[in-house]
PDB file of N, CA and C in Angstrom:
ATOM      1  N   MET A   1      17.651   2.574 -28.926  1.00  0.00           N
ATOM      2  CA  MET A   1      17.477   2.682 -27.503  1.00  0.00           C
ATOM      3  C   MET A   1      16.093   3.271 -27.257  1.00  0.00           C
ATOM      4  N   ARG A   2      15.394   2.664 -26.287  1.00  0.00           N
ATOM      5  CA  ARG A   2      14.035   3.096 -25.999  1.00  0.00           C
ATOM      6  C   ARG A   2      13.815   3.048 -24.495  1.00  0.00           C
ATOM      7  N   THR A   3      13.238   4.104 -23.925  1.00  0.00           N
ATOM      8  CA  THR A   3      12.907   4.119 -22.501  1.00  0.00           C
ATOM      9  C   THR A   3      11.672   3.257 -22.297  1.00  0.00           C
ATOM     10  N   ILE A   4      11.789   2.253 -21.408  1.00  0.00           N
ATOM     11  CA  ILE A   4      10.650   1.376 -21.148  1.00  0.00           C
ATOM     12  C   ILE A   4      10.074   1.599 -19.757  1.00  0.00           C
ATOM     13  N   TYR A   5      10.803   2.341 -18.909  1.00  0.00           N
ATOM     14  CA  TYR A   5      10.301   2.663 -17.574  1.00  0.00           C
ATOM     15  C   TYR A   5      11.006   3.916 -17.091  1.00  0.00           C
ATOM     16  N   GLN A   6      10.242   4.848 -16.517  1.00  0.00           N
ATOM     17  CA  GLN A   6      10.841   6.027 -15.905  1.00  0.00           C
ATOM     18  C   GLN A   6       9.944   6.487 -14.779  1.00  0.00           C
ATOM     19  N   SER A   7      10.574   6.804 -13.651  1.00  0.00           N
ATOM     20  CA  SER A   7       9.840   7.258 -12.484  1.00  0.00           C
ATOM     21  C   SER A   7      10.771   8.100 -11.626  1.00  0.00           C
ATOM     22  N   THR A   8      10.194   8.846 -10.703  1.00  0.00           N
ATOM     23  CA  THR A   8      10.967   9.606  -9.730  1.00  0.00           C
ATOM     24  C   THR A   8      10.486   9.200  -8.351  1.00  0.00           C
ATOM     25  N   ASP A   9      11.425   8.861  -7.460  1.00  0.00           N
ATOM     26  CA  ASP A   9      11.030   8.459  -6.115  1.00  0.00           C
ATOM     27  C   ASP A   9      10.901   9.683  -5.209  1.00  0.00           C
ATOM     28  N   ASP A  10      10.545   9.446  -3.945  1.00  0.00           N
ATOM     29  CA  ASP A  10      10.328  10.529  -2.979  1.00  0.00           C
ATOM     30  C   ASP A  10      11.599  11.293  -2.644  1.00  0.00           C
ATOM     31  N   ASN A  11      12.752  10.721  -2.924  1.00  0.00           N
ATOM     32  CA  ASN A  11      14.030  11.367  -2.621  1.00  0.00           C
ATOM     33  C   ASN A  11      14.611  12.113  -3.820  1.00  0.00           C
ATOM     34  N   GLY A  12      13.871  12.192  -4.911  1.00  0.00           N
ATOM     35  CA  GLY A  12      14.321  12.926  -6.084  1.00  0.00           C
ATOM     36  C   GLY A  12      15.199  12.137  -7.037  1.00  0.00           C
ATOM     37  N   HIS A  13      15.289  10.818  -6.854  1.00  0.00           N
ATOM     38  CA  HIS A  13      16.056   9.977  -7.772  1.00  0.00           C
ATOM     39  C   HIS A  13      15.210   9.671  -9.005  1.00  0.00           C
ATOM     40  N   THR A  14      15.809   9.771 -10.168  1.00  0.00           N
ATOM     41  CA  THR A  14      15.151   9.348 -11.401  1.00  0.00           C
ATOM     42  C   THR A  14      15.536   7.899 -11.648  1.00  0.00           C
ATOM     43  N   LEU A  15      14.532   7.049 -11.763  1.00  0.00           N
ATOM     44  CA  LEU A  15      14.738   5.619 -11.999  1.00  0.00           C
ATOM     45  C   LEU A  15      14.365   5.364 -13.452  1.00  0.00           C
ATOM     46  N   ARG A  16      15.283   4.792 -14.209  1.00  0.00           N
ATOM     47  CA  ARG A  16      15.047   4.640 -15.644  1.00  0.00           C
ATOM     48  C   ARG A  16      15.535   3.278 -16.123  1.00  0.00           C
ATOM     49  N   ALA A  17      14.737   2.644 -16.968  1.00  0.00           N
ATOM     50  CA  ALA A  17      15.136   1.397 -17.626  1.00  0.00           C
ATOM     51  C   ALA A  17      15.041   1.617 -19.131  1.00  0.00           C
ATOM     52  N   LEU A  18      16.085   1.209 -19.829  1.00  0.00           N
ATOM     53  CA  LEU A  18      16.160   1.374 -21.280  1.00  0.00           C
ATOM     54  C   LEU A  18      16.308   0.011 -21.944  1.00  0.00           C
ATOM     55  N   LYS A  19      15.752  -0.111 -23.121  1.00  0.00           N
ATOM     56  CA  LYS A  19      15.886  -1.332 -23.915  1.00  0.00           C
ATOM     57  C   LYS A  19      16.770  -1.003 -25.108  1.00  0.00           C
ATOM     58  N   LEU A  20      17.894  -1.700 -25.206  1.00  0.00           N
ATOM     59  CA  LEU A  20      18.839  -1.487 -26.299  1.00  0.00           C
ATOM     60  C   LEU A  20      18.720  -2.650 -27.274  1.00  0.00           C
ATOM     61  N   SER A  21      18.478  -2.337 -28.525  1.00  0.00           N
ATOM     62  CA  SER A  21      18.372  -3.370 -29.560  1.00  0.00           C
ATOM     63  C   SER A  21      19.363  -3.046 -30.666  1.00  0.00           C
ATOM     64  N   LYS A  22      20.316  -3.940 -30.869  1.00  0.00           N
ATOM     65  CA  LYS A  22      21.273  -3.757 -31.962  1.00  0.00           C
ATOM     66  C   LYS A  22      20.679  -4.314 -33.240  1.00  0.00           C
ATOM     67  N   GLU A  23      20.962  -3.634 -34.322  1.00  0.00           N
ATOM     68  CA  GLU A  23      20.482  -4.089 -35.617  1.00  0.00           C
ATOM     69  C   GLU A  23      21.114  -5.445 -35.940  1.00  0.00           C
ATOM     70  N   GLY A  24      20.283  -6.379 -36.327  1.00  0.00           N
ATOM     71  CA  GLY A  24      20.773  -7.702 -36.667  1.00  0.00           C
ATOM     72  C   GLY A  24      20.786  -8.676 -35.496  1.00  0.00           C
ATOM     73  N   HIS A  25      20.507  -8.199 -34.284  1.00  0.00           N
ATOM     74  CA  HIS A  25      20.449  -9.071 -33.108  1.00  0.00           C
ATOM     75  C   HIS A  25      18.998  -9.217 -32.667  1.00  0.00           C
ATOM     76  N   THR A  26      18.635 -10.419 -32.257  1.00  0.00           N
ATOM     77  CA  THR A  26      17.248 -10.657 -31.857  1.00  0.00           C
ATOM     78  C   THR A  26      17.010 -10.431 -30.372  1.00  0.00           C
ATOM     79  N   SER A  27      18.021 -10.612 -29.538  1.00  0.00           N
ATOM     80  CA  SER A  27      17.813 -10.451 -28.098  1.00  0.00           C
ATOM     81  C   SER A  27      18.270  -9.060 -27.638  1.00  0.00           C
ATOM     82  N   PRO A  28      17.380  -8.323 -26.961  1.00  0.00           N
ATOM     83  CA  PRO A  28      17.734  -6.981 -26.501  1.00  0.00           C
ATOM     84  C   PRO A  28      18.581  -7.017 -25.230  1.00  0.00           C
ATOM     85  N   VAL A  29      19.184  -5.887 -24.923  1.00  0.00           N
ATOM     86  CA  VAL A  29      19.926  -5.688 -23.680  1.00  0.00           C
ATOM     87  C   VAL A  29      19.183  -4.603 -22.918  1.00  0.00           C
ATOM     88  N   TYR A  30      19.041  -4.786 -21.602  1.00  0.00           N
ATOM     89  CA  TYR A  30      18.332  -3.826 -20.766  1.00  0.00           C
ATOM     90  C   TYR A  30      19.328  -3.083 -19.892  1.00  0.00           C
ATOM     91  N   LEU A  31      19.168  -1.770 -19.826  1.00  0.00           N
ATOM     92  CA  LEU A  31      20.046  -0.913 -19.044  1.00  0.00           C
ATOM     93  C   LEU A  31      19.204  -0.237 -17.975  1.00  0.00           C
ATOM     94  N   GLY A  32      19.641  -0.328 -16.724  1.00  0.00           N
ATOM     95  CA  GLY A  32      18.945   0.321 -15.622  1.00  0.00           C
ATOM     96  C   GLY A  32      19.806   1.417 -15.036  1.00  0.00           C
ATOM     97  N   LEU A  33      19.190   2.568 -14.741  1.00  0.00           N
ATOM     98  CA  LEU A  33      19.919   3.713 -14.208  1.00  0.00           C
ATOM     99  C   LEU A  33      19.178   4.319 -13.026  1.00  0.00           C
ATOM    100  N   VAL A  34      19.955   4.799 -12.050  1.00  0.00           N
ATOM    101  CA  VAL A  34      19.424   5.641 -10.979  1.00  0.00           C
ATOM    102  C   VAL A  34      20.221   6.933 -11.054  1.00  0.00           C
ATOM    103  N   ILE A  35      19.516   8.044 -11.256  1.00  0.00           N
ATOM    104  CA  ILE A  35      20.160   9.340 -11.469  1.00  0.00           C
ATOM    105  C   ILE A  35      19.662  10.321 -10.416  1.00  0.00           C
ATOM    106  N   HIS A  36      20.581  11.135  -9.891  1.00  0.00           N
ATOM    107  CA  HIS A  36      20.206  12.197  -8.948  1.00  0.00           C
ATOM    108  C   HIS A  36      21.069  13.416  -9.236  1.00  0.00           C
ATOM    109  N   ASP A  37      20.445  14.551  -9.468  1.00  0.00           N
ATOM    110  CA  ASP A  37      21.154  15.796  -9.792  1.00  0.00           C
ATOM    111  C   ASP A  37      22.151  15.602 -10.934  1.00  0.00           C
ATOM    112  N   ARG A  38      21.710  14.965 -11.999  1.00  0.00           N
ATOM    113  CA  ARG A  38      22.511  14.716 -13.209  1.00  0.00           C
ATOM    114  C   ARG A  38      23.712  13.798 -12.989  1.00  0.00           C
ATOM    115  N   GLU A  39      23.754  13.113 -11.879  1.00  0.00           N
ATOM    116  CA  GLU A  39      24.837  12.170 -11.592  1.00  0.00           C
ATOM    117  C   GLU A  39      24.269  10.754 -11.589  1.00  0.00           C
ATOM    118  N   VAL A  40      24.912   9.863 -12.318  1.00  0.00           N
ATOM    119  CA  VAL A  40      24.487   8.466 -12.334  1.00  0.00           C
ATOM    120  C   VAL A  40      25.016   7.804 -11.068  1.00  0.00           C
ATOM    121  N   LEU A  41      24.089   7.392 -10.196  1.00  0.00           N
ATOM    122  CA  LEU A  41      24.465   6.748  -8.941  1.00  0.00           C
ATOM    123  C   LEU A  41      24.582   5.237  -9.090  1.00  0.00           C
ATOM    124  N   PHE A  42      23.840   4.678 -10.021  1.00  0.00           N
ATOM    125  CA  PHE A  42      23.811   3.227 -10.196  1.00  0.00           C
ATOM    126  C   PHE A  42      23.508   2.921 -11.660  1.00  0.00           C
ATOM    127  N   ARG A  43      24.197   1.897 -12.173  1.00  0.00           N
ATOM    128  CA  ARG A  43      23.969   1.465 -13.555  1.00  0.00           C
ATOM    129  C   ARG A  43      24.086  -0.053 -13.591  1.00  0.00           C
ATOM    130  N   THR A  44      23.167  -0.690 -14.261  1.00  0.00           N
ATOM    131  CA  THR A  44      23.243  -2.129 -14.468  1.00  0.00           C
ATOM    132  C   THR A  44      22.876  -2.432 -15.915  1.00  0.00           C
ATOM    133  N   ARG A  45      23.512  -3.440 -16.456  1.00  0.00           N
ATOM    134  CA  ARG A  45      23.256  -3.858 -17.843  1.00  0.00           C
ATOM    135  C   ARG A  45      22.999  -5.355 -17.805  1.00  0.00           C
ATOM    136  N   GLU A  46      21.823  -5.757 -18.245  1.00  0.00           N
ATOM    137  CA  GLU A  46      21.408  -7.152 -18.135  1.00  0.00           C
ATOM    138  C   GLU A  46      20.852  -7.656 -19.463  1.00  0.00           C
ATOM    139  N   ASN A  47      21.029  -8.932 -19.699  1.00  0.00           N
ATOM    140  CA  ASN A  47      20.472  -9.573 -20.890  1.00  0.00           C
ATOM    141  C   ASN A  47      19.166 -10.297 -20.593  1.00  0.00           C
ATOM    142  N   SER A  48      18.854 -10.469 -19.312  1.00  0.00           N
ATOM    143  CA  SER A  48      17.746 -11.345 -18.945  1.00  0.00           C
ATOM    144  C   SER A  48      16.363 -10.767 -19.230  1.00  0.00           C
ATOM    145  N   SER A  49      15.947  -9.738 -18.491  1.00  0.00           N
ATOM    146  CA  SER A  49      14.596  -9.227 -18.697  1.00  0.00           C
ATOM    147  C   SER A  49      14.427  -7.841 -18.089  1.00  0.00           C
ATOM    148  N   ARG A  50      13.371  -7.186 -18.502  1.00  0.00           N
ATOM    149  CA  ARG A  50      13.009  -5.870 -17.970  1.00  0.00           C
ATOM    150  C   ARG A  50      12.757  -5.962 -16.467  1.00  0.00           C
ATOM    151  N   GLU A  51      12.056  -7.004 -16.039  1.00  0.00           N
ATOM    152  CA  GLU A  51      11.716  -7.170 -14.632  1.00  0.00           C
ATOM    153  C   GLU A  51      12.970  -7.330 -13.772  1.00  0.00           C
ATOM    154  N   PHE A  52      13.966  -8.028 -14.290  1.00  0.00           N
ATOM    155  CA  PHE A  52      15.209  -8.225 -13.545  1.00  0.00           C
ATOM    156  C   PHE A  52      15.931  -6.894 -13.346  1.00  0.00           C
ATOM    157  N   VAL A  53      15.950  -6.046 -14.378  1.00  0.00           N
ATOM    158  CA  VAL A  53      16.581  -4.729 -14.274  1.00  0.00           C
ATOM    159  C   VAL A  53      15.826  -3.870 -13.262  1.00  0.00           C
ATOM    160  N   LEU A  54      14.498  -3.887 -13.316  1.00  0.00           N
ATOM    161  CA  LEU A  54      13.712  -3.102 -12.361  1.00  0.00           C
ATOM    162  C   LEU A  54      13.940  -3.577 -10.932  1.00  0.00           C
ATOM    163  N   GLN A  55      14.088  -4.886 -10.733  1.00  0.00           N
ATOM    164  CA  GLN A  55      14.372  -5.427  -9.404  1.00  0.00           C
ATOM    165  C   GLN A  55      15.725  -4.934  -8.900  1.00  0.00           C
ATOM    166  N   LYS A  56      16.738  -4.907  -9.757  1.00  0.00           N
ATOM    167  CA  LYS A  56      18.069  -4.413  -9.378  1.00  0.00           C
ATOM    168  C   LYS A  56      18.001  -2.935  -8.976  1.00  0.00           C
ATOM    169  N   ILE A  57      17.234  -2.139  -9.725  1.00  0.00           N
ATOM    170  CA  ILE A  57      17.066  -0.720  -9.402  1.00  0.00           C
ATOM    171  C   ILE A  57      16.403  -0.575  -8.032  1.00  0.00           C
ATOM    172  N   LYS A  58      15.327  -1.324  -7.795  1.00  0.00           N
ATOM    173  CA  LYS A  58      14.614  -1.257  -6.515  1.00  0.00           C
ATOM    174  C   LYS A  58      15.517  -1.662  -5.358  1.00  0.00           C
ATOM    175  N   GLU A  59      16.331  -2.693  -5.542  1.00  0.00           N
ATOM    176  CA  GLU A  59      17.256  -3.128  -4.492  1.00  0.00           C
ATOM    177  C   GLU A  59      18.275  -2.039  -4.172  1.00  0.00           C
ATOM    178  N   PHE A  60      18.799  -1.364  -5.193  1.00  0.00           N
ATOM    179  CA  PHE A  60      19.761  -0.289  -4.969  1.00  0.00           C
ATOM    180  C   PHE A  60      19.119   0.853  -4.198  1.00  0.00           C
ATOM    181  N   VAL A  61      17.935   1.276  -4.616  1.00  0.00           N
ATOM    182  CA  VAL A  61      17.256   2.391  -3.954  1.00  0.00           C
ATOM    183  C   VAL A  61      16.930   2.034  -2.508  1.00  0.00           C
ATOM    184  N   ALA A  62      16.462   0.815  -2.268  1.00  0.00           N
ATOM    185  CA  ALA A  62      16.133   0.391  -0.904  1.00  0.00           C
ATOM    186  C   ALA A  62      17.371   0.380  -0.012  1.00  0.00           C
ATOM    187  N   ALA A  63      18.495  -0.030  -0.551  1.00  0.00           N
ATOM    188  CA  ALA A  63      19.730  -0.103   0.234  1.00  0.00           C
ATOM    189  C   ALA A  63      20.336   1.271   0.487  1.00  0.00           C
ATOM    190  N   HIS A  64      20.014   2.265  -0.337  1.00  0.00           N
ATOM    191  CA  HIS A  64      20.633   3.580  -0.220  1.00  0.00           C
ATOM    192  C   HIS A  64      19.671   4.699   0.148  1.00  0.00           C
ATOM    193  N   SER A  65      18.431   4.358   0.489  1.00  0.00           N
ATOM    194  CA  SER A  65      17.495   5.405   0.893  1.00  0.00           C
ATOM    195  C   SER A  65      17.769   5.795   2.340  1.00  0.00           C
ATOM    196  N   PRO A  66      17.501   7.050   2.696  1.00  0.00           N
ATOM    197  CA  PRO A  66      17.752   7.489   4.069  1.00  0.00           C
ATOM    198  C   PRO A  66      16.922   6.673   5.056  1.00  0.00           C
ATOM    199  N   THR A  67      17.524   6.395   6.187  1.00  0.00           N
ATOM    200  CA  THR A  67      16.809   5.614   7.195  1.00  0.00           C
ATOM    201  C   THR A  67      15.728   6.473   7.827  1.00  0.00           C
ATOM    202  N   MET A  68      14.608   5.857   8.059  1.00  0.00           N
ATOM    203  CA  MET A  68      13.487   6.553   8.676  1.00  0.00           C
ATOM    204  C   MET A  68      13.576   6.358  10.185  1.00  0.00           C
ATOM    205  N   ASN A  69      13.420   7.427  10.916  1.00  0.00           N
ATOM    206  CA  ASN A  69      13.425   7.335  12.374  1.00  0.00           C
ATOM    207  C   ASN A  69      12.084   6.796  12.825  1.00  0.00           C
ATOM    208  N   ALA A  70      12.131   5.769  13.625  1.00  0.00           N
ATOM    209  CA  ALA A  70      10.900   5.178  14.145  1.00  0.00           C
ATOM    210  C   ALA A  70      10.326   6.096  15.214  1.00  0.00           C
ATOM    211  N   GLN A  71       9.047   6.335  15.118  1.00  0.00           N
ATOM    212  CA  GLN A  71       8.386   7.176  16.103  1.00  0.00           C
ATOM    213  C   GLN A  71       7.510   6.299  16.972  1.00  0.00           C
ATOM    214  N   PRO A  72       7.473   6.592  18.266  1.00  0.00           N
ATOM    215  CA  PRO A  72       6.626   5.778  19.151  1.00  0.00           C
ATOM    216  C   PRO A  72       5.152   5.926  18.792  1.00  0.00           C
ATOM    217  N   ALA A  73       4.431   4.862  18.998  1.00  0.00           N
ATOM    218  CA  ALA A  73       2.997   4.866  18.679  1.00  0.00           C
ATOM    219  C   ALA A  73       2.201   5.591  19.729  1.00  0.00           C
TER     220      ALA A  73
END
């Protein structure tokens, strides 16, 4: 298992993508996590690609981020 992406967003969520490679297998599995205060809020496991896992993480964060109040110009 190897961390291939890690970041923290403005809301304190840790966004992490891991690459899992089993011995004897040629195709890796990618695991995406969103963690906040040591609690896993979102987990995805994909065979396709690193970019697909990162897209799933971004979609989850966008759907669950606090709404911003629009201020008049």
